[in-house]
Every structure is written in C-alpha cells, then in structure tokens.
Amino acid sequence: MEKNTEFASKIKSIRERQNMSIEELSENSGVKLDVLKAMESGEVIPSLTPLTKMARALGVRLGTFLDDTPQIGPVVTRAGKPTSALYFSGREDVTNASNLEFHSLGAGKIDRNIDPFLIDIEYEEGEKELSSHEGEEFIYVLEGEIEVIYGKDTFTMGEGDSIFYDSVVPHHLHAAGKKESKILAVLYTPY
C-alpha cells in the first residue's frame, strides 16, 4: 500500500501549501483531528467520505488527492496496462483494512469534473456502514454481483447492470455473496 503513503503526503502538502493547520482543516471539514493525523501519516485507510469533506474544505477536487502528474489533453489508459492502485475503506471513517481497490482512469487529467475508476471489491463480513457526501455516482457492474444499499432501499446488481444516484443520500456498496466483483464507477464531487 505504498501508494496510500504518497496519497497521505499529498493531502498534507496541499494543506501546508495553503498555510492551513491540521486543526483548521479539522474544523473546516468536520473530520476529527485524530482521523486527519492518522490519514496524513498513512497509518489508516480512509473512505471517500472524509476525503470529500477535506477536498471541499481545501477548495480542491477530490481527484487532486489522487493525481500523479497533470497533463494537458486526453488521458488514455490502455487495456492490460494496470494503473496504480489506491486502497479505500468501505467504512464511514477510517480503518487499517481495505476491501476496495481503486484504479483511476482519469489520473493526470487537469481540470476534470468527474473521476472515473475501475474498482475491485473484495467480499467483506460484518455490518455495512452507510456513508454520504455531496455529489453523484454512476456504477456499472463489470464482473460478479454487488449489493447497493441506498437510503432504505437495497439493490442487487449483476454484470451489465448500472445505478446512478445522488451520493448525499446515505449509501454503501459491497460484493454480494462471497465472490469478488469489479465495477466501473464515475464520481462527481463538487468543490
């Protein structure tokens, strides 16, 4: 998970470039101070919820935390050429475990408004925690079967199925059954 360490240092670098203390970021974002410290040190794996809140507080796109080297023009990702993986938790806050492996299909594209990802989802045991953040999500199931909890509704989806929703409504997605799944996810998070 070396990539998450780079990711953690990027968050700290953006915050410091804006002359914002970690305490100010905590207050402005609503993310607990101990969670921010653990994220910046790379000790934990965040979910998208605190990252989205931090991006808004810093006035940057969520994708800014994920980008490697910005480039002008189109970003082409070739089949069979793996992109670097980022690991996120499917839980509301943070954890030391990850069941979501994100492969960005848009890293490097400057001034983008959406973030496309291929996401490998491992089966996880236990209670499913719902999370919410501003924006929208489009999910297309490529392999396997997933379950999407959206508010009080639950949708079981197989290969070729899709769902498009406002992510401000509490939601959670996970692999259904005990098999891994793969999805195409397109996220829009305003800043």
C-alpha atoms as a PDB file:
ATOM      1  CA  MET A   1       0.000   0.000   0.000  1.00  0.00           C
ATOM      2  CA  GLU A   2       2.899   2.296  -0.766  1.00  0.00           C
ATOM      3  CA  LYS A   3       0.592   4.371  -2.989  1.00  0.00           C
ATOM      4  CA  ASN A   4      -1.535   5.304   0.039  1.00  0.00           C
ATOM      5  CA  THR A   5       1.592   6.741   1.701  1.00  0.00           C
ATOM      6  CA  GLU A   6       2.128   9.004  -1.323  1.00  0.00           C
ATOM      7  CA  PHE A   7      -1.540   9.859  -1.178  1.00  0.00           C
ATOM      8  CA  ALA A   8      -1.253  10.781   2.528  1.00  0.00           C
ATOM      9  CA  SER A   9       1.728  13.063   1.898  1.00  0.00           C
ATOM     10  CA  LYS A  10      -0.185  14.757  -0.927  1.00  0.00           C
ATOM     11  CA  ILE A  11      -3.012  15.681   1.455  1.00  0.00           C
ATOM     12  CA  LYS A  12      -0.513  17.170   3.911  1.00  0.00           C
ATOM     13  CA  SER A  13       1.326  19.020   1.139  1.00  0.00           C
ATOM     14  CA  ILE A  14      -1.879  20.646  -0.188  1.00  0.00           C
ATOM     15  CA  ARG A  15      -2.887  21.674   3.329  1.00  0.00           C
ATOM     16  CA  GLU A  16       0.542  23.161   4.074  1.00  0.00           C
ATOM     17  CA  ARG A  17       0.675  24.963   0.703  1.00  0.00           C
ATOM     18  CA  GLN A  18      -2.496  26.750   1.764  1.00  0.00           C
ATOM     19  CA  ASN A  19      -0.965  27.654   5.143  1.00  0.00           C
ATOM     20  CA  MET A  20      -3.728  25.751   6.893  1.00  0.00           C
ATOM     21  CA  SER A  21      -3.019  23.973  10.158  1.00  0.00           C
ATOM     22  CA  ILE A  22      -4.296  20.455  10.647  1.00  0.00           C
ATOM     23  CA  GLU A  23      -6.553  21.829  13.392  1.00  0.00           C
ATOM     24  CA  GLU A  24      -8.074  24.351  10.949  1.00  0.00           C
ATOM     25  CA  LEU A  25      -8.649  21.614   8.373  1.00  0.00           C
ATOM     26  CA  SER A  26     -10.379  19.526  11.025  1.00  0.00           C
ATOM     27  CA  GLU A  27     -12.647  22.424  11.988  1.00  0.00           C
ATOM     28  CA  ASN A  28     -13.397  23.455   8.383  1.00  0.00           C
ATOM     29  CA  SER A  29     -14.034  19.916   7.129  1.00  0.00           C
ATOM     30  CA  GLY A  30     -15.751  18.373  10.129  1.00  0.00           C
ATOM     31  CA  VAL A  31     -13.269  15.466  10.047  1.00  0.00           C
ATOM     32  CA  LYS A  32     -11.973  14.550  13.507  1.00  0.00           C
ATOM     33  CA  LEU A  33      -8.445  15.737  14.281  1.00  0.00           C
ATOM     34  CA  ASP A  34      -7.182  12.272  15.254  1.00  0.00           C
ATOM     35  CA  VAL A  35      -8.548  10.888  11.970  1.00  0.00           C
ATOM     36  CA  LEU A  36      -6.761  13.609   9.963  1.00  0.00           C
ATOM     37  CA  LYS A  37      -3.482  12.958  11.757  1.00  0.00           C
ATOM     38  CA  ALA A  38      -3.751   9.224  11.116  1.00  0.00           C
ATOM     39  CA  MET A  39      -4.602   9.848   7.445  1.00  0.00           C
ATOM     40  CA  GLU A  40      -1.700  12.257   6.905  1.00  0.00           C
ATOM     41  CA  SER A  41       0.738   9.812   8.470  1.00  0.00           C
ATOM     42  CA  GLY A  42      -0.537   6.977   6.266  1.00  0.00           C
ATOM     43  CA  GLU A  43      -1.485   4.887   9.309  1.00  0.00           C
ATOM     44  CA  VAL A  44      -5.066   4.294   8.203  1.00  0.00           C
ATOM     45  CA  ILE A  45      -7.063   3.781   5.029  1.00  0.00           C
ATOM     46  CA  PRO A  46      -9.725   6.457   4.548  1.00  0.00           C
ATOM     47  CA  SER A  47     -13.119   6.158   2.950  1.00  0.00           C
ATOM     48  CA  LEU A  48     -14.273   8.643   0.334  1.00  0.00           C
ATOM     49  CA  THR A  49     -16.471  10.481   2.851  1.00  0.00           C
ATOM     50  CA  PRO A  50     -13.723  12.226   4.865  1.00  0.00           C
ATOM     51  CA  LEU A  51     -11.694  12.768   1.686  1.00  0.00           C
ATOM     52  CA  THR A  52     -14.615  14.563   0.054  1.00  0.00           C
ATOM     53  CA  LYS A  53     -15.077  16.761   3.132  1.00  0.00           C
ATOM     54  CA  MET A  54     -11.359  17.594   3.167  1.00  0.00           C
ATOM     55  CA  ALA A  55     -11.343  18.401  -0.558  1.00  0.00           C
ATOM     56  CA  ARG A  56     -14.229  20.853  -0.078  1.00  0.00           C
ATOM     57  CA  ALA A  57     -12.522  22.496   2.913  1.00  0.00           C
ATOM     58  CA  LEU A  58      -9.302  22.879   0.894  1.00  0.00           C
ATOM     59  CA  GLY A  59     -11.161  24.116  -2.212  1.00  0.00           C
ATOM     60  CA  VAL A  60      -9.831  21.347  -4.460  1.00  0.00           C
ATOM     61  CA  ARG A  61     -11.389  18.496  -6.436  1.00  0.00           C
ATOM     62  CA  LEU A  62     -11.374  15.073  -4.841  1.00  0.00           C
ATOM     63  CA  GLY A  63      -9.242  13.950  -7.801  1.00  0.00           C
ATOM     64  CA  THR A  64      -6.485  16.357  -6.755  1.00  0.00           C
ATOM     65  CA  PHE A  65      -5.580  13.931  -3.967  1.00  0.00           C
ATOM     66  CA  LEU A  66      -5.343  11.100  -6.498  1.00  0.00           C
ATOM     67  CA  ASP A  67      -3.460  12.707  -9.380  1.00  0.00           C
ATOM     68  CA  ASP A  68       0.112  11.862 -10.232  1.00  0.00           C
ATOM     69  CA  THR A  69       1.386  14.204 -12.927  1.00  0.00           C
ATOM     70  CA  PRO A  70      -1.131  16.578 -14.517  1.00  0.00           C
ATOM     71  CA  GLN A  71      -1.201  16.651 -18.304  1.00  0.00           C
ATOM     72  CA  ILE A  72      -2.954  18.701 -20.928  1.00  0.00           C
ATOM     73  CA  GLY A  73      -5.086  16.833 -23.436  1.00  0.00           C
ATOM     74  CA  PRO A  74      -6.713  13.434 -23.246  1.00  0.00           C
ATOM     75  CA  VAL A  75      -5.688  10.734 -20.816  1.00  0.00           C
ATOM     76  CA  VAL A  76      -5.507   7.304 -22.452  1.00  0.00           C
ATOM     77  CA  THR A  77      -5.489   4.139 -20.356  1.00  0.00           C
ATOM     78  CA  ARG A  78      -4.677   1.007 -22.324  1.00  0.00           C
ATOM     79  CA  ALA A  79      -6.252  -2.383 -21.645  1.00  0.00           C
ATOM     80  CA  GLY A  80      -3.900  -4.746 -19.870  1.00  0.00           C
ATOM     81  CA  LYS A  81      -1.714  -1.899 -18.601  1.00  0.00           C
ATOM     82  CA  PRO A  82      -2.543  -1.650 -14.914  1.00  0.00           C
ATOM     83  CA  THR A  83      -2.836   1.724 -13.298  1.00  0.00           C
ATOM     84  CA  SER A  84      -1.514   2.278  -9.793  1.00  0.00           C
ATOM     85  CA  ALA A  85      -3.931   1.065  -7.168  1.00  0.00           C
ATOM     86  CA  LEU A  86      -5.282   3.162  -4.338  1.00  0.00           C
ATOM     87  CA  TYR A  87      -6.973   1.458  -1.435  1.00  0.00           C
ATOM     88  CA  PHE A  88     -10.012   2.833   0.344  1.00  0.00           C
ATOM     89  CA  SER A  89     -12.210   1.586   3.095  1.00  0.00           C
ATOM     90  CA  GLY A  90     -15.887   0.960   2.552  1.00  0.00           C
ATOM     91  CA  ARG A  91     -16.487   2.243   6.068  1.00  0.00           C
ATOM     92  CA  GLU A  92     -17.625   5.737   7.073  1.00  0.00           C
ATOM     93  CA  ASP A  93     -14.412   6.806   8.781  1.00  0.00           C
ATOM     94  CA  VAL A  94     -11.073   5.043   8.519  1.00  0.00           C
ATOM     95  CA  THR A  95      -9.650   1.621   9.188  1.00  0.00           C
ATOM     96  CA  ASN A  96      -6.489  -0.423   8.765  1.00  0.00           C
ATOM     97  CA  ALA A  97      -8.165  -2.712   6.234  1.00  0.00           C
ATOM     98  CA  SER A  98      -9.405  -2.140   2.720  1.00  0.00           C
ATOM     99  CA  ASN A  99     -11.906  -4.013   0.633  1.00  0.00           C
ATOM    100  CA  LEU A 100     -11.882  -1.537  -2.271  1.00  0.00           C
ATOM    101  CA  GLU A 101      -9.007  -1.319  -4.758  1.00  0.00           C
ATOM    102  CA  PHE A 102      -9.352   1.787  -6.952  1.00  0.00           C
ATOM    103  CA  HIS A 103      -7.663   2.147 -10.340  1.00  0.00           C
ATOM    104  CA  SER A 104      -8.027   5.690 -11.628  1.00  0.00           C
ATOM    105  CA  LEU A 105      -8.864   6.044 -15.306  1.00  0.00           C
ATOM    106  CA  GLY A 106      -8.539   9.827 -15.204  1.00  0.00           C
ATOM    107  CA  ALA A 107      -5.420  10.484 -13.115  1.00  0.00           C
ATOM    108  CA  GLY A 108      -3.421  13.249 -14.650  1.00  0.00           C
ATOM    109  CA  LYS A 109      -6.315  14.946 -16.489  1.00  0.00           C
ATOM    110  CA  ILE A 110      -6.296  18.532 -15.325  1.00  0.00           C
ATOM    111  CA  ASP A 111      -9.491  20.462 -14.593  1.00  0.00           C
ATOM    112  CA  ARG A 112     -11.698  17.389 -14.700  1.00  0.00           C
ATOM    113  CA  ASN A 113     -15.162  17.430 -13.158  1.00  0.00           C
ATOM    114  CA  ILE A 114     -15.605  13.661 -12.828  1.00  0.00           C
ATOM    115  CA  ASP A 115     -13.397  10.865 -11.573  1.00  0.00           C
ATOM    116  CA  PRO A 116     -13.673   7.510 -13.389  1.00  0.00           C
ATOM    117  CA  PHE A 117     -12.400   4.379 -11.634  1.00  0.00           C
ATOM    118  CA  LEU A 118     -12.211   0.636 -12.081  1.00  0.00           C
ATOM    119  CA  ILE A 119     -12.811  -0.755  -8.606  1.00  0.00           C
ATOM    120  CA  ASP A 120     -12.107  -4.295  -7.437  1.00  0.00           C
ATOM    121  CA  ILE A 121     -14.356  -5.127  -4.487  1.00  0.00           C
ATOM    122  CA  GLU A 122     -13.437  -7.936  -2.114  1.00  0.00           C
ATOM    123  CA  TYR A 123     -16.152  -9.629  -0.097  1.00  0.00           C
ATOM    124  CA  GLU A 124     -16.325  -8.310   3.465  1.00  0.00           C
ATOM    125  CA  GLU A 125     -18.032  -9.724   6.533  1.00  0.00           C
ATOM    126  CA  GLY A 126     -19.947  -7.691   9.060  1.00  0.00           C
ATOM    127  CA  GLU A 127     -22.332  -4.799   9.263  1.00  0.00           C
ATOM    128  CA  LYS A 128     -22.413  -2.393   6.333  1.00  0.00           C
ATOM    129  CA  GLU A 129     -21.931   1.241   7.322  1.00  0.00           C
ATOM    130  CA  LEU A 130     -23.663   3.807   5.138  1.00  0.00           C
ATOM    131  CA  SER A 131     -21.824   6.987   4.188  1.00  0.00           C
ATOM    132  CA  SER A 132     -22.779  10.130   2.345  1.00  0.00           C
ATOM    133  CA  HIS A 133     -21.066  13.047   0.652  1.00  0.00           C
ATOM    134  CA  GLU A 134     -22.014  15.699  -1.845  1.00  0.00           C
ATOM    135  CA  GLY A 135     -22.056  14.678  -5.478  1.00  0.00           C
ATOM    136  CA  GLU A 136     -23.253  11.899  -7.728  1.00  0.00           C
ATOM    137  CA  GLU A 137     -22.092   8.369  -8.511  1.00  0.00           C
ATOM    138  CA  PHE A 138     -22.606   6.173 -11.543  1.00  0.00           C
ATOM    139  CA  ILE A 139     -21.849   2.478 -11.055  1.00  0.00           C
ATOM    140  CA  TYR A 140     -21.683  -0.177 -13.818  1.00  0.00           C
ATOM    141  CA  VAL A 141     -21.088  -3.810 -12.826  1.00  0.00           C
ATOM    142  CA  LEU A 142     -18.379  -5.412 -14.979  1.00  0.00           C
ATOM    143  CA  GLU A 143     -17.866  -8.709 -13.129  1.00  0.00           C
ATOM    144  CA  GLY A 144     -19.614 -10.525 -10.334  1.00  0.00           C
ATOM    145  CA  GLU A 145     -22.515  -9.256  -8.321  1.00  0.00           C
ATOM    146  CA  ILE A 146     -22.823  -6.302  -5.959  1.00  0.00           C
ATOM    147  CA  GLU A 147     -25.347  -5.072  -3.475  1.00  0.00           C
ATOM    148  CA  VAL A 148     -26.052  -1.346  -3.214  1.00  0.00           C
ATOM    149  CA  ILE A 149     -27.732  -0.017  -0.106  1.00  0.00           C
ATOM    150  CA  TYR A 150     -29.201   3.395  -0.904  1.00  0.00           C
ATOM    151  CA  GLY A 151     -31.140   5.007   1.908  1.00  0.00           C
ATOM    152  CA  LYS A 152     -33.711   2.398   2.933  1.00  0.00           C
ATOM    153  CA  ASP A 153     -33.554   0.511  -0.382  1.00  0.00           C
ATOM    154  CA  THR A 154     -31.264  -2.361  -1.344  1.00  0.00           C
ATOM    155  CA  PHE A 155     -30.452  -3.278  -4.950  1.00  0.00           C
ATOM    156  CA  THR A 156     -28.735  -6.498  -6.006  1.00  0.00           C
ATOM    157  CA  MET A 157     -26.969  -5.964  -9.319  1.00  0.00           C
ATOM    158  CA  GLY A 158     -25.217  -8.298 -11.736  1.00  0.00           C
ATOM    159  CA  GLU A 159     -22.944  -7.937 -14.738  1.00  0.00           C
ATOM    160  CA  GLY A 160     -24.234  -5.275 -17.131  1.00  0.00           C
ATOM    161  CA  ASP A 161     -26.467  -3.604 -14.526  1.00  0.00           C
ATOM    162  CA  SER A 162     -25.953   0.040 -13.559  1.00  0.00           C
ATOM    163  CA  ILE A 163     -27.159   2.551 -10.998  1.00  0.00           C
ATOM    164  CA  PHE A 164     -26.861   6.361 -10.917  1.00  0.00           C
ATOM    165  CA  TYR A 165     -27.578   8.204  -7.680  1.00  0.00           C
ATOM    166  CA  ASP A 166     -27.100  11.329  -5.579  1.00  0.00           C
ATOM    167  CA  SER A 167     -24.390  10.468  -3.075  1.00  0.00           C
ATOM    168  CA  VAL A 168     -25.770  12.833  -0.439  1.00  0.00           C
ATOM    169  CA  VAL A 169     -28.220  10.011   0.404  1.00  0.00           C
ATOM    170  CA  PRO A 170     -26.507   7.532   2.768  1.00  0.00           C
ATOM    171  CA  HIS A 171     -25.252   4.572   0.731  1.00  0.00           C
ATOM    172  CA  HIS A 172     -22.910   1.602   0.675  1.00  0.00           C
ATOM    173  CA  LEU A 173     -21.880  -0.909  -1.957  1.00  0.00           C
ATOM    174  CA  HIS A 174     -20.213  -4.250  -1.484  1.00  0.00           C
ATOM    175  CA  ALA A 175     -19.645  -7.557  -3.213  1.00  0.00           C
ATOM    176  CA  ALA A 176     -22.698  -9.787  -2.926  1.00  0.00           C
ATOM    177  CA  GLY A 177     -22.171 -13.394  -1.939  1.00  0.00           C
ATOM    178  CA  LYS A 178     -18.614 -14.337  -1.148  1.00  0.00           C
ATOM    179  CA  LYS A 179     -17.063 -13.526  -4.507  1.00  0.00           C
ATOM    180  CA  GLU A 180     -15.038 -10.545  -5.657  1.00  0.00           C
ATOM    181  CA  SER A 181     -16.632  -8.079  -8.045  1.00  0.00           C
ATOM    182  CA  LYS A 182     -15.408  -5.397 -10.424  1.00  0.00           C
ATOM    183  CA  ILE A 183     -17.218  -2.165 -11.249  1.00  0.00           C
ATOM    184  CA  LEU A 184     -16.750   0.955 -13.314  1.00  0.00           C
ATOM    185  CA  ALA A 185     -17.531   3.931 -11.085  1.00  0.00           C
ATOM    186  CA  VAL A 186     -17.781   7.538 -12.204  1.00  0.00           C
ATOM    187  CA  LEU A 187     -17.832  10.010  -9.321  1.00  0.00           C
ATOM    188  CA  TYR A 188     -18.753  13.672  -9.386  1.00  0.00           C
ATOM    189  CA  THR A 189     -17.893  15.661  -6.276  1.00  0.00           C
ATOM    190  CA  PRO A 190     -18.408  19.438  -6.362  1.00  0.00           C
ATOM    191  CA  TYR A 191     -15.853  21.671  -4.722  1.00  0.00           C
END
